[in-house]
Amino acid sequence: MIRIYETNSEEALTAMAALGDKNVIIDGSKTIIYDGADYTPEPKIFPRLSRRQIRLALYNAGKLNAVEAAIEEAGPVAKITWEEAIEFERDNPLVNAISSAIGMSSSEVDALWFEASKL
């Protein structure tokens, strides 16, 4: 069964909590959830984000201060990367480490990433 919800709606979040990330595709304003156990969604393709896009998205989500604090704690390489990178890739290990450090799930990062790509 396929169910489509408005992204970040209470219904979508409840359904994702019940199923986990396995059968969820976030596509802009839609969250598509596949209930069929045999369905494996196609891999998500994430755009590269500019420094401006990622920082604005984090600010809008109320996460910018937490990210900057986590980067300070992660050390000089993380700080230089954060401050000097021109583009950010979703699968970059630093993105995954910092998002884990501030308690963001993979689905939350994915949703934020797609929102940032619109800025």
Protein backbone atom coordinates (compact mmCIF):
# COMPACT_ATOMS: atom_id res chain seq x y z
CA MET A 1 0.00 0.00 0.00
CA ILE A 2 1.23 3.50 -0.82
CA ARG A 3 0.36 6.43 1.39
CA ILE A 4 1.21 10.04 0.59
CA TYR A 5 1.43 12.71 3.28
CA GLU A 6 2.41 16.35 3.43
CA THR A 7 6.07 16.45 4.48
CA ASN A 8 6.58 17.15 8.20
CA SER A 9 2.87 16.70 8.92
CA GLU A 10 1.92 14.91 12.13
CA GLU A 11 0.53 12.00 10.08
CA ALA A 12 3.77 11.61 8.11
CA LEU A 13 5.91 11.72 11.25
CA THR A 14 3.68 9.16 12.98
CA ALA A 15 3.80 6.81 9.98
CA MET A 16 7.59 7.18 9.70
CA ALA A 17 7.98 6.44 13.41
CA ALA A 18 5.99 3.24 12.97
CA LEU A 19 7.87 2.02 9.87
CA GLY A 20 11.32 3.54 10.30
CA ASP A 21 13.26 4.93 7.35
CA LYS A 22 13.02 1.76 5.25
CA ASN A 23 10.05 2.54 3.02
CA VAL A 24 10.01 6.33 3.03
CA ILE A 25 10.70 8.71 0.18
CA ILE A 26 10.69 12.43 0.89
CA ASP A 27 10.08 14.43 -2.26
CA GLY A 28 9.80 18.11 -1.45
CA SER A 29 6.36 18.77 0.00
CA LYS A 30 5.31 15.09 -0.22
CA THR A 31 6.31 12.19 1.97
CA ILE A 32 5.57 8.87 0.30
CA ILE A 33 5.40 5.80 2.53
CA TYR A 34 5.26 2.27 1.15
CA ASP A 35 3.75 -0.24 3.54
CA GLY A 36 4.69 -3.27 1.46
CA ALA A 37 7.50 -5.20 3.13
CA ASP A 38 8.99 -6.24 -0.24
CA TYR A 39 9.28 -2.71 -1.62
CA THR A 40 12.72 -1.13 -1.66
CA PRO A 41 12.66 2.49 -2.83
CA GLU A 42 15.10 3.78 -5.39
CA PRO A 43 18.14 5.48 -3.89
CA LYS A 44 17.62 9.14 -3.11
CA ILE A 45 19.65 11.60 -5.14
CA PHE A 46 20.63 14.60 -3.09
CA PRO A 47 21.76 17.84 -4.69
CA ARG A 48 24.93 19.53 -3.53
CA LEU A 49 24.19 22.48 -1.29
CA SER A 50 25.97 25.80 -1.17
CA ARG A 51 27.30 27.13 2.11
CA ARG A 52 24.44 29.68 2.06
CA GLN A 53 21.74 27.02 1.51
CA ILE A 54 22.87 24.72 4.29
CA ARG A 55 23.34 27.51 6.82
CA LEU A 56 19.98 29.12 6.04
CA ALA A 57 18.20 25.76 6.26
CA LEU A 58 19.84 25.02 9.61
CA TYR A 59 18.95 28.49 10.86
CA ASN A 60 15.33 28.11 9.71
CA ALA A 61 15.14 24.73 11.48
CA GLY A 62 16.62 26.17 14.70
CA LYS A 63 19.67 23.90 14.39
CA LEU A 64 22.46 26.30 13.34
CA ASN A 65 23.77 27.02 16.86
CA ALA A 66 23.78 23.31 17.76
CA VAL A 67 25.65 22.44 14.54
CA GLU A 68 28.25 25.15 15.11
CA ALA A 69 28.79 23.97 18.71
CA ALA A 70 29.19 20.36 17.53
CA ILE A 71 31.69 21.45 14.88
CA GLU A 72 33.74 23.31 17.52
CA GLU A 73 33.84 20.11 19.58
CA ALA A 74 34.76 17.99 16.54
CA GLY A 75 38.10 19.74 16.12
CA PRO A 76 40.07 21.84 13.66
CA VAL A 77 39.55 19.72 10.54
CA ALA A 78 35.78 19.84 10.97
CA LYS A 79 35.92 23.58 11.64
CA ILE A 80 38.02 24.29 8.56
CA THR A 81 35.74 22.13 6.42
CA TRP A 82 32.61 23.88 7.75
CA GLU A 83 34.06 27.36 7.27
CA GLU A 84 35.79 26.86 3.93
CA ALA A 85 33.68 24.36 1.96
CA ILE A 86 31.99 25.82 -1.08
CA GLU A 87 29.53 22.93 -1.41
CA PHE A 88 28.21 20.25 0.92
CA GLU A 89 27.28 16.69 -0.06
CA ARG A 90 24.63 14.72 1.83
CA ASP A 91 26.78 11.59 2.12
CA ASN A 92 29.82 13.43 3.49
CA PRO A 93 31.01 11.78 6.72
CA LEU A 94 31.14 15.17 8.47
CA VAL A 95 27.45 15.78 7.70
CA ASN A 96 26.55 12.38 9.16
CA ALA A 97 28.77 12.81 12.24
CA ILE A 98 27.48 16.28 13.09
CA SER A 99 23.84 15.37 12.48
CA SER A 100 24.24 12.38 14.83
CA ALA A 101 25.97 14.58 17.40
CA ILE A 102 22.98 16.93 17.53
CA GLY A 103 20.43 14.10 17.54
CA MET A 104 19.03 14.38 14.01
CA SER A 105 17.79 11.19 12.35
CA SER A 106 18.68 10.34 8.78
CA SER A 107 15.12 11.15 7.69
CA GLU A 108 15.30 14.55 9.36
CA VAL A 109 18.57 15.34 7.61
CA ASP A 110 17.10 14.20 4.28
CA ALA A 111 14.07 16.45 4.72
CA LEU A 112 16.23 19.40 5.73
CA TRP A 113 18.49 18.75 2.74
CA PHE A 114 15.63 18.90 0.27
CA GLU A 115 14.26 22.05 1.92
CA ALA A 116 17.70 23.63 1.73
CA SER A 117 17.93 22.87 -1.97
CA LYS A 118 14.98 25.23 -2.53
CA LEU A 119 16.70 28.20 -0.90
